[in-house]
N, C-alpha and C. Protein backbone atom coordinates (compact mmCIF):
# COMPACT_ATOMS: atom_id res chain seq x y z
N UNK A 1 45.22 116.57 135.10
CA UNK A 1 45.96 115.25 135.62
C UNK A 1 47.18 115.17 135.45
N UNK A 2 47.73 115.38 136.66
CA UNK A 2 49.15 115.02 135.95
C UNK A 2 49.94 113.43 135.41
N UNK A 3 50.98 113.64 134.79
CA UNK A 3 51.87 112.65 134.29
C UNK A 3 51.62 111.88 134.84
N UNK A 4 52.09 111.69 136.16
CA UNK A 4 52.50 110.02 136.88
C UNK A 4 51.08 109.74 137.36
N UNK A 5 50.07 110.54 137.41
CA UNK A 5 48.50 110.29 137.81
C UNK A 5 47.84 109.36 136.77
N UNK A 6 47.75 109.54 135.20
CA UNK A 6 48.01 109.46 134.08
C UNK A 6 47.82 108.16 133.70
N UNK A 7 49.54 107.91 134.25
CA UNK A 7 50.84 107.27 134.19
C UNK A 7 50.28 105.50 135.07
N UNK A 8 49.59 106.18 136.22
CA UNK A 8 48.69 105.56 136.56
C UNK A 8 47.50 104.77 136.69
N UNK A 9 46.80 105.42 136.46
CA UNK A 9 45.74 105.03 135.84
C UNK A 9 45.35 104.14 134.72
N UNK A 10 46.27 104.30 133.84
CA UNK A 10 47.27 103.30 132.22
C UNK A 10 47.18 102.51 132.92
N UNK A 11 47.89 102.06 133.78
CA UNK A 11 48.67 101.15 134.35
C UNK A 11 47.84 100.10 135.26
N UNK A 12 46.62 100.79 136.07
CA UNK A 12 45.38 99.95 136.78
C UNK A 12 44.47 99.63 135.78
N UNK A 13 44.70 100.37 134.23
CA UNK A 13 43.40 99.88 133.66
C UNK A 13 44.08 98.07 132.77
N UNK A 14 45.50 98.07 132.54
CA UNK A 14 45.87 97.28 132.27
C UNK A 14 46.34 95.57 133.14
N UNK A 15 45.53 96.09 134.56
CA UNK A 15 45.32 95.02 135.61
C UNK A 15 45.72 95.13 136.17
N UNK A 16 47.33 95.98 136.19
CA UNK A 16 48.28 95.77 137.76
C UNK A 16 47.99 96.20 138.66
N UNK A 17 48.24 95.36 140.28
CA UNK A 17 48.15 96.12 140.95
C UNK A 17 48.96 97.20 141.31
N UNK A 18 48.66 97.78 142.89
CA UNK A 18 49.68 98.63 143.60
C UNK A 18 50.61 98.34 143.53
N UNK A 19 50.97 96.95 143.77
CA UNK A 19 52.31 96.82 143.90
C UNK A 19 53.46 96.66 142.96
N UNK A 20 52.22 96.06 141.84
CA UNK A 20 53.47 96.20 140.84
C UNK A 20 53.27 97.66 139.92
N UNK A 21 52.38 98.34 140.59
CA UNK A 21 52.51 99.70 139.67
C UNK A 21 53.89 100.86 140.66
N UNK A 22 53.77 100.25 142.17
CA UNK A 22 55.38 100.84 143.19
C UNK A 22 57.33 100.68 142.56
N UNK A 23 56.50 98.71 141.76
CA UNK A 23 57.56 98.33 141.84
C UNK A 23 58.36 98.30 140.23
N UNK A 24 57.01 99.12 138.85
CA UNK A 24 57.51 99.74 137.53
C UNK A 24 57.67 100.53 137.51
N UNK A 25 57.31 101.87 139.03
CA UNK A 25 57.59 103.21 139.02
C UNK A 25 59.14 103.78 139.26
N UNK A 26 59.09 102.89 140.56
CA UNK A 26 60.41 102.81 141.58
C UNK A 26 59.68 103.56 141.85
N UNK A 27 58.62 103.67 142.79
CA UNK A 27 57.89 104.16 144.03
C UNK A 27 57.57 103.38 144.47
N UNK A 28 56.76 104.22 146.24
CA UNK A 28 56.88 103.57 147.60
C UNK A 28 54.70 102.93 146.65
N UNK A 29 54.93 101.93 147.45
CA UNK A 29 53.62 101.35 147.49
C UNK A 29 52.86 102.99 148.31
N UNK A 30 53.17 103.11 149.21
CA UNK A 30 52.41 104.65 149.87
C UNK A 30 51.63 106.03 148.89
N UNK A 31 52.86 105.67 147.83
CA UNK A 31 53.38 106.98 146.88
C UNK A 31 51.74 106.41 145.61
N UNK A 32 51.76 105.48 145.08
CA UNK A 32 50.92 104.64 144.47
C UNK A 32 49.47 104.95 144.94
N UNK A 33 49.30 104.49 146.45
CA UNK A 33 47.46 104.39 146.45
C UNK A 33 47.68 105.91 147.69
N UNK A 34 48.38 107.03 147.48
CA UNK A 34 48.25 108.97 146.99
C UNK A 34 47.00 108.26 146.26
N UNK A 35 48.32 108.00 144.84
CA UNK A 35 47.84 108.89 143.63
C UNK A 35 46.68 108.03 143.06
N UNK A 36 46.27 106.68 143.64
CA UNK A 36 45.19 106.10 143.73
C UNK A 36 43.88 106.55 144.31
N UNK A 37 44.27 107.13 145.42
CA UNK A 37 43.17 107.84 146.44
C UNK A 37 42.39 109.48 145.48
N UNK A 38 43.98 110.18 145.35
CA UNK A 38 43.44 111.16 144.70
C UNK A 38 42.65 111.32 143.36
N UNK A 39 42.67 109.72 142.77
CA UNK A 39 41.93 109.34 140.82
C UNK A 39 40.65 108.98 141.84
N UNK A 40 40.25 108.63 142.98
CA UNK A 40 39.00 107.94 142.99
C UNK A 40 38.26 109.56 144.19
N UNK A 41 38.66 110.00 144.43
CA UNK A 41 38.36 111.48 145.18
C UNK A 41 37.75 112.28 143.52
N UNK A 42 38.60 112.80 142.64
CA UNK A 42 38.91 113.80 141.30
C UNK A 42 37.67 113.39 139.94
N UNK A 43 37.28 111.65 140.35
CA UNK A 43 36.88 111.27 139.43
C UNK A 43 35.28 110.46 139.96
N UNK A 44 34.98 110.69 141.36
CA UNK A 44 33.78 110.27 142.15
C UNK A 44 34.12 108.74 141.58
N UNK A 45 34.80 108.14 142.06
CA UNK A 45 35.07 106.65 141.69
C UNK A 45 34.69 106.39 143.00
N UNK A 46 34.25 104.75 142.97
CA UNK A 46 34.36 104.10 144.97
C UNK A 46 35.76 103.01 144.91
N UNK A 47 36.01 102.54 143.28
CA UNK A 47 36.90 101.61 143.91
C UNK A 47 37.60 101.39 141.80
N UNK A 48 38.52 100.55 141.82
CA UNK A 48 39.53 100.18 140.74
C UNK A 48 38.59 99.88 139.69
N UNK A 49 37.61 99.38 140.08
CA UNK A 49 36.78 99.15 138.61
C UNK A 49 35.85 99.91 137.90
N UNK A 50 35.61 101.00 138.90
CA UNK A 50 35.12 102.58 138.44
C UNK A 50 36.26 102.81 137.67
N UNK A 51 37.24 103.17 137.86
CA UNK A 51 38.02 103.85 137.63
C UNK A 51 38.09 103.01 136.03
N UNK A 52 38.34 102.38 136.58
CA UNK A 52 38.38 101.38 134.59
C UNK A 52 37.31 101.87 133.50
N UNK A 53 36.18 101.41 134.40
CA UNK A 53 35.30 101.54 133.33
C UNK A 53 34.60 103.67 132.81
N UNK A 54 35.36 103.97 133.40
CA UNK A 54 35.32 105.78 132.52
C UNK A 54 36.80 105.65 131.68
N UNK A 55 35.31 106.63 130.61
CA UNK A 55 36.78 106.84 129.61
C UNK A 55 37.77 107.86 129.79
N UNK A 56 38.13 107.94 129.17
CA UNK A 56 39.56 109.34 129.72
C UNK A 56 38.72 111.24 129.35
N UNK A 57 37.63 111.05 128.11
CA UNK A 57 37.48 112.29 128.04
C UNK A 57 36.20 112.08 129.21
N UNK A 58 35.17 111.43 130.40
CA UNK A 58 34.65 111.37 131.26
C UNK A 58 35.35 111.96 132.20
N UNK A 59 37.04 111.04 132.87
CA UNK A 59 38.36 111.85 133.71
C UNK A 59 38.14 113.06 133.77
N UNK A 60 38.61 113.26 132.18
CA UNK A 60 38.99 115.00 132.26
C UNK A 60 36.97 115.70 132.01
N UNK A 61 36.34 115.22 131.72
CA UNK A 61 35.00 116.69 131.77
C UNK A 61 35.14 116.46 133.62
N UNK A 62 35.70 115.74 134.12
CA UNK A 62 35.30 115.14 136.06
C UNK A 62 36.09 115.72 135.96
N UNK A 63 37.69 116.50 135.98
CA UNK A 63 38.30 116.59 136.48
C UNK A 63 38.56 118.31 136.86
N UNK A 64 38.31 118.24 135.14
CA UNK A 64 38.11 119.93 134.70
C UNK A 64 36.41 120.00 136.10
N UNK A 65 35.24 120.21 135.95
CA UNK A 65 34.58 120.02 136.85
C UNK A 65 34.81 119.95 138.79
N UNK A 66 35.41 119.40 138.30
CA UNK A 66 35.91 119.15 140.32
C UNK A 66 36.85 120.24 140.59
N UNK A 67 37.99 120.60 139.15
CA UNK A 67 39.09 122.12 139.50
C UNK A 67 37.78 123.15 139.83
N UNK A 68 36.54 123.39 138.64
CA UNK A 68 36.51 124.22 138.56
C UNK A 68 35.38 124.62 140.55
N UNK A 69 35.23 123.00 140.69
CA UNK A 69 34.31 123.42 141.90
C UNK A 69 35.22 123.92 142.81
N UNK A 70 36.18 123.55 142.61
CA UNK A 70 37.15 124.33 144.07
C UNK A 70 37.63 125.92 144.07
N UNK A 71 37.41 126.53 142.66
CA UNK A 71 37.94 127.45 142.35
C UNK A 71 36.64 128.44 142.96
N UNK A 72 35.91 127.59 142.86
CA UNK A 72 34.29 128.20 142.79
C UNK A 72 34.26 128.43 144.68
N UNK A 73 34.82 127.65 145.71
CA UNK A 73 34.53 127.66 146.54
C UNK A 73 35.99 128.37 147.06
N UNK A 74 36.68 128.74 147.05
CA UNK A 74 37.55 129.66 147.09
C UNK A 74 37.56 130.94 146.46
N UNK A 75 36.46 131.73 145.62
CA UNK A 75 35.67 132.59 145.02
C UNK A 75 34.70 132.71 145.79
N UNK A 76 34.59 132.28 146.48
CA UNK A 76 32.99 132.69 146.80
C UNK A 76 32.69 133.93 147.55
N UNK A 77 31.66 134.33 146.94
CA UNK A 77 32.19 136.19 147.28
C UNK A 77 32.82 137.02 146.43
N UNK A 78 33.80 136.95 145.63
CA UNK A 78 34.42 137.24 144.73
C UNK A 78 33.43 137.87 143.52
N UNK A 79 34.33 138.51 143.09
CA UNK A 79 33.13 139.67 142.15
C UNK A 79 33.64 139.24 141.07
N UNK A 80 34.46 137.74 140.87
CA UNK A 80 35.23 137.22 140.06
C UNK A 80 34.35 136.17 139.46
N UNK A 81 33.41 136.00 140.31
CA UNK A 81 32.59 134.77 140.15
C UNK A 81 31.46 134.66 139.10
N UNK A 82 30.91 136.09 138.72
CA UNK A 82 29.86 136.34 137.50
C UNK A 82 31.17 135.82 136.00
N UNK A 83 32.47 135.97 135.42
CA UNK A 83 33.19 136.10 135.01
C UNK A 83 33.24 134.64 134.95
N UNK A 84 33.62 133.78 135.45
CA UNK A 84 33.32 131.89 135.85
C UNK A 84 32.60 131.44 135.55
N UNK A 85 31.23 131.70 135.43
CA UNK A 85 29.74 130.94 135.07
C UNK A 85 29.80 130.78 133.54
N UNK A 86 30.60 131.05 132.76
CA UNK A 86 30.36 130.53 131.79
C UNK A 86 30.93 129.02 131.63
N UNK A 87 32.24 129.61 131.86
CA UNK A 87 33.35 128.52 132.16
C UNK A 87 33.04 126.97 133.12
N UNK A 88 32.10 127.11 134.03
CA UNK A 88 31.26 126.10 134.75
C UNK A 88 29.94 125.74 134.46
N UNK A 89 29.69 126.18 132.97
CA UNK A 89 28.41 125.72 132.02
C UNK A 89 29.32 124.85 131.32
N UNK A 90 29.77 125.32 130.18
CA UNK A 90 30.75 125.02 129.78
C UNK A 90 31.30 122.96 130.32
N UNK A 91 31.64 123.29 131.30
CA UNK A 91 32.44 121.85 131.49
C UNK A 91 31.70 120.96 132.12
N UNK A 92 30.43 121.46 132.19
CA UNK A 92 28.43 120.71 133.16
C UNK A 92 27.86 119.98 132.02
N UNK A 93 28.47 121.21 130.29
CA UNK A 93 28.02 119.74 129.39
C UNK A 93 28.70 118.65 128.74
């Protein structure tokens, strides 16, 4: 997760709204919402309350699994796939 997404997640956990986050970070409301929707997708959350409930470790684990899944999809049928399997298994623990 990038620094901006981490910053937005932290502000969400502090109870700030999208408008407050946009104002504090001096970015558009739409940009904040894009980051929030990306957090939903990457973390498997349905709403802000789900995001707030996840620990940082769980979010990091989910991001790692999501990244591995994305790479596996891109490398489907590749000879490099067996080399990736230990990383996949480690991330899924």
